[in-house]
Amino acid sequence: MADETYRKVYIKMWRYGSSFTKLSPLAPSGQALWLYLLTGDLTTPIPGVINAGRGAVSEALGWDMKAFNKAFQEVFNEGLVKANWKRV
């Protein structure tokens, strides 16, 4: 098997009505949030940049704000994300 660093992910999978959204939802967790931040439909052409606030991301995932904040703190503590909540 070839060592692949990158793979293409169809970001429209996160939109309502796709087969992916018909599956049971991701439970709030650091891993689920990290996956969404990398592949979600709020991503921009600039890798790793999402122009959305806490409310938009938690709503897109169907999580309440407390669950989102806990998951965000996990990925933040691992140094995987940074956020400027005042700019969004």
N, C-alpha and C. Protein backbone atom coordinates (compact mmCIF):
# COMPACT_ATOMS: atom_id res chain seq x y z
N MET A 1 0.85 -1.18 0.00
CA MET A 1 0.00 0.00 0.00
C MET A 1 0.89 1.24 0.00
N ALA A 2 0.59 2.16 -0.87
CA ALA A 2 1.37 3.39 -0.99
C ALA A 2 1.16 4.29 0.23
N ASP A 3 2.23 4.95 0.63
CA ASP A 3 2.14 5.91 1.73
C ASP A 3 1.54 7.20 1.18
N GLU A 4 0.32 7.48 1.56
CA GLU A 4 -0.35 8.68 1.07
C GLU A 4 -0.45 9.70 2.19
N THR A 5 0.07 10.88 1.93
CA THR A 5 0.00 11.94 2.91
C THR A 5 -1.33 12.67 2.84
N TYR A 6 -1.87 12.82 1.65
CA TYR A 6 -3.11 13.56 1.46
C TYR A 6 -4.12 12.72 0.71
N ARG A 7 -5.39 12.96 1.00
CA ARG A 7 -6.48 12.33 0.27
C ARG A 7 -7.55 13.38 0.03
N LYS A 8 -8.28 13.21 -1.05
CA LYS A 8 -9.36 14.13 -1.34
C LYS A 8 -10.59 13.74 -0.54
N VAL A 9 -11.24 14.74 0.03
CA VAL A 9 -12.48 14.53 0.78
C VAL A 9 -13.54 15.44 0.18
N TYR A 10 -14.68 14.90 -0.13
CA TYR A 10 -15.78 15.66 -0.70
C TYR A 10 -16.49 16.40 0.42
N ILE A 11 -16.27 17.71 0.52
CA ILE A 11 -16.80 18.46 1.66
C ILE A 11 -18.32 18.59 1.65
N LYS A 12 -18.94 18.39 0.51
CA LYS A 12 -20.40 18.48 0.47
C LYS A 12 -21.07 17.33 1.21
N MET A 13 -20.27 16.36 1.68
CA MET A 13 -20.84 15.25 2.45
C MET A 13 -21.51 15.76 3.72
N TRP A 14 -21.10 16.93 4.21
CA TRP A 14 -21.65 17.48 5.45
C TRP A 14 -23.00 18.15 5.23
N ARG A 15 -23.39 18.38 4.00
CA ARG A 15 -24.66 19.08 3.74
C ARG A 15 -25.84 18.16 3.92
N TYR A 16 -26.93 18.75 4.38
CA TYR A 16 -28.14 17.97 4.63
C TYR A 16 -28.63 17.31 3.37
N GLY A 17 -29.09 16.08 3.51
CA GLY A 17 -29.60 15.33 2.39
C GLY A 17 -28.60 14.37 1.79
N SER A 18 -27.32 14.51 2.15
CA SER A 18 -26.34 13.57 1.63
C SER A 18 -26.45 12.26 2.40
N SER A 19 -25.93 11.21 1.84
CA SER A 19 -25.95 9.91 2.52
C SER A 19 -25.22 9.99 3.85
N PHE A 20 -24.16 10.79 3.93
CA PHE A 20 -23.39 10.93 5.16
C PHE A 20 -24.25 11.52 6.28
N THR A 21 -25.05 12.54 5.97
CA THR A 21 -25.87 13.17 7.01
C THR A 21 -27.02 12.28 7.45
N LYS A 22 -27.32 11.26 6.70
CA LYS A 22 -28.38 10.33 7.09
C LYS A 22 -27.88 9.29 8.10
N LEU A 23 -26.56 9.20 8.26
CA LEU A 23 -25.98 8.29 9.24
C LEU A 23 -26.15 8.88 10.65
N SER A 24 -25.96 8.05 11.67
CA SER A 24 -26.05 8.57 13.04
C SER A 24 -24.97 9.65 13.20
N PRO A 25 -25.30 10.73 13.91
CA PRO A 25 -24.38 11.87 14.00
C PRO A 25 -23.15 11.58 14.85
N LEU A 26 -22.13 12.36 14.60
CA LEU A 26 -20.91 12.27 15.40
C LEU A 26 -21.20 12.77 16.81
N ALA A 27 -20.81 12.00 17.80
CA ALA A 27 -20.95 12.44 19.18
C ALA A 27 -19.93 13.53 19.45
N PRO A 28 -20.28 14.50 20.28
CA PRO A 28 -19.32 15.56 20.60
C PRO A 28 -18.03 14.98 21.18
N SER A 29 -16.93 15.30 20.54
CA SER A 29 -15.61 14.87 21.02
C SER A 29 -14.55 15.68 20.30
N GLY A 30 -13.36 15.64 20.83
CA GLY A 30 -12.24 16.33 20.19
C GLY A 30 -11.96 15.76 18.81
N GLN A 31 -12.02 14.43 18.67
CA GLN A 31 -11.74 13.82 17.37
C GLN A 31 -12.78 14.21 16.34
N ALA A 32 -14.04 14.21 16.74
CA ALA A 32 -15.10 14.57 15.80
C ALA A 32 -14.96 16.03 15.36
N LEU A 33 -14.65 16.92 16.30
CA LEU A 33 -14.48 18.32 15.95
C LEU A 33 -13.29 18.50 15.02
N TRP A 34 -12.19 17.83 15.31
CA TRP A 34 -10.99 17.92 14.47
C TRP A 34 -11.29 17.47 13.05
N LEU A 35 -12.01 16.36 12.92
CA LEU A 35 -12.41 15.87 11.60
C LEU A 35 -13.25 16.92 10.87
N TYR A 36 -14.20 17.53 11.58
CA TYR A 36 -15.04 18.54 10.95
C TYR A 36 -14.22 19.77 10.55
N LEU A 37 -13.32 20.20 11.42
CA LEU A 37 -12.52 21.38 11.10
C LEU A 37 -11.64 21.16 9.88
N LEU A 38 -11.25 19.94 9.64
CA LEU A 38 -10.43 19.63 8.46
C LEU A 38 -11.25 19.44 7.20
N THR A 39 -12.47 18.93 7.33
CA THR A 39 -13.22 18.52 6.14
C THR A 39 -14.59 19.16 6.00
N GLY A 40 -15.01 19.94 6.97
CA GLY A 40 -16.36 20.47 6.99
C GLY A 40 -16.66 21.46 5.88
N ASP A 41 -17.94 21.71 5.69
CA ASP A 41 -18.36 22.61 4.62
C ASP A 41 -18.20 24.08 4.96
N LEU A 42 -17.67 24.40 6.13
CA LEU A 42 -17.35 25.78 6.48
C LEU A 42 -15.89 26.12 6.20
N THR A 43 -15.13 25.14 5.69
CA THR A 43 -13.72 25.39 5.40
C THR A 43 -13.60 26.36 4.22
N THR A 44 -12.43 26.94 4.10
CA THR A 44 -12.14 27.90 3.03
C THR A 44 -11.05 27.31 2.13
N PRO A 45 -10.74 28.00 1.02
CA PRO A 45 -9.65 27.51 0.17
C PRO A 45 -8.29 27.53 0.87
N ILE A 46 -8.19 28.27 1.96
CA ILE A 46 -6.94 28.31 2.72
C ILE A 46 -7.00 27.19 3.76
N PRO A 47 -6.14 26.20 3.65
CA PRO A 47 -6.20 25.06 4.56
C PRO A 47 -6.18 25.48 6.03
N GLY A 48 -7.10 24.96 6.79
CA GLY A 48 -7.16 25.22 8.22
C GLY A 48 -7.89 26.48 8.62
N VAL A 49 -8.36 27.25 7.66
CA VAL A 49 -9.05 28.49 8.00
C VAL A 49 -10.56 28.30 7.84
N ILE A 50 -11.26 28.62 8.91
CA ILE A 50 -12.72 28.58 8.89
C ILE A 50 -13.19 29.94 9.37
N ASN A 51 -14.01 30.59 8.58
CA ASN A 51 -14.52 31.90 8.94
C ASN A 51 -15.91 31.74 9.54
N ALA A 52 -15.94 31.23 10.76
CA ALA A 52 -17.21 30.97 11.44
C ALA A 52 -16.97 31.00 12.94
N GLY A 53 -17.99 31.40 13.65
CA GLY A 53 -17.89 31.44 15.10
C GLY A 53 -18.31 30.14 15.74
N ARG A 54 -18.25 30.12 17.06
CA ARG A 54 -18.61 28.94 17.83
C ARG A 54 -20.03 28.48 17.52
N GLY A 55 -20.94 29.42 17.45
CA GLY A 55 -22.34 29.07 17.20
C GLY A 55 -22.54 28.39 15.86
N ALA A 56 -21.89 28.89 14.83
CA ALA A 56 -22.05 28.30 13.50
C ALA A 56 -21.50 26.88 13.44
N VAL A 57 -20.36 26.66 14.06
CA VAL A 57 -19.76 25.32 14.03
C VAL A 57 -20.57 24.36 14.88
N SER A 58 -20.97 24.79 16.07
CA SER A 58 -21.75 23.89 16.93
C SER A 58 -23.10 23.58 16.28
N GLU A 59 -23.70 24.55 15.61
CA GLU A 59 -24.97 24.31 14.92
C GLU A 59 -24.78 23.35 13.74
N ALA A 60 -23.69 23.53 13.00
CA ALA A 60 -23.42 22.65 11.86
C ALA A 60 -23.26 21.20 12.31
N LEU A 61 -22.72 21.00 13.49
CA LEU A 61 -22.51 19.66 14.02
C LEU A 61 -23.71 19.14 14.82
N GLY A 62 -24.66 20.03 15.12
CA GLY A 62 -25.82 19.63 15.91
C GLY A 62 -25.50 19.45 17.38
N TRP A 63 -24.47 20.15 17.85
CA TRP A 63 -24.05 20.06 19.25
C TRP A 63 -24.52 21.29 20.01
N ASP A 64 -24.74 21.14 21.32
CA ASP A 64 -25.01 22.33 22.12
C ASP A 64 -23.67 23.03 22.40
N MET A 65 -23.75 24.26 22.85
CA MET A 65 -22.54 25.07 23.02
C MET A 65 -21.59 24.48 24.07
N LYS A 66 -22.14 23.90 25.11
CA LYS A 66 -21.29 23.31 26.15
C LYS A 66 -20.46 22.16 25.58
N ALA A 67 -21.08 21.30 24.79
CA ALA A 67 -20.38 20.18 24.17
C ALA A 67 -19.31 20.68 23.19
N PHE A 68 -19.67 21.70 22.40
CA PHE A 68 -18.70 22.27 21.47
C PHE A 68 -17.49 22.83 22.22
N ASN A 69 -17.75 23.60 23.26
CA ASN A 69 -16.66 24.22 24.01
C ASN A 69 -15.72 23.17 24.61
N LYS A 70 -16.30 22.08 25.11
CA LYS A 70 -15.48 21.01 25.68
C LYS A 70 -14.60 20.37 24.60
N ALA A 71 -15.19 20.06 23.45
CA ALA A 71 -14.43 19.47 22.35
C ALA A 71 -13.38 20.44 21.83
N PHE A 72 -13.74 21.71 21.72
CA PHE A 72 -12.78 22.71 21.25
C PHE A 72 -11.60 22.80 22.21
N GLN A 73 -11.87 22.79 23.50
CA GLN A 73 -10.80 22.87 24.49
C GLN A 73 -9.83 21.69 24.34
N GLU A 74 -10.37 20.51 24.02
CA GLU A 74 -9.51 19.34 23.80
C GLU A 74 -8.53 19.57 22.66
N VAL A 75 -9.04 19.99 21.51
CA VAL A 75 -8.17 20.18 20.35
C VAL A 75 -7.24 21.38 20.54
N PHE A 76 -7.72 22.38 21.25
CA PHE A 76 -6.88 23.54 21.56
C PHE A 76 -5.73 23.14 22.48
N ASN A 77 -6.02 22.36 23.52
CA ASN A 77 -4.99 21.92 24.46
C ASN A 77 -3.91 21.08 23.79
N GLU A 78 -4.28 20.37 22.73
CA GLU A 78 -3.31 19.57 21.98
C GLU A 78 -2.52 20.41 20.97
N GLY A 79 -2.85 21.68 20.87
CA GLY A 79 -2.15 22.56 19.94
C GLY A 79 -2.56 22.38 18.49
N LEU A 80 -3.73 21.78 18.28
CA LEU A 80 -4.19 21.51 16.92
C LEU A 80 -4.94 22.69 16.31
N VAL A 81 -5.45 23.59 17.13
CA VAL A 81 -6.21 24.72 16.63
C VAL A 81 -5.84 26.00 17.38
N LYS A 82 -6.13 27.10 16.73
CA LYS A 82 -6.09 28.43 17.31
C LYS A 82 -7.38 29.09 16.89
N ALA A 83 -7.83 30.06 17.64
CA ALA A 83 -9.05 30.77 17.25
C ALA A 83 -8.95 32.23 17.64
N ASN A 84 -9.53 33.04 16.81
CA ASN A 84 -9.68 34.46 17.11
C ASN A 84 -11.16 34.74 17.07
N TRP A 85 -11.86 34.51 18.17
CA TRP A 85 -13.31 34.62 18.21
C TRP A 85 -13.79 36.05 17.99
N LYS A 86 -12.93 37.03 18.15
CA LYS A 86 -13.33 38.43 17.96
C LYS A 86 -13.39 38.80 16.48
N ARG A 87 -12.71 38.03 15.62
CA ARG A 87 -12.65 38.35 14.20
C ARG A 87 -13.79 37.76 13.39
N VAL A 88 -14.55 36.87 13.96
CA VAL A 88 -15.64 36.24 13.20
C VAL A 88 -16.97 36.83 13.57
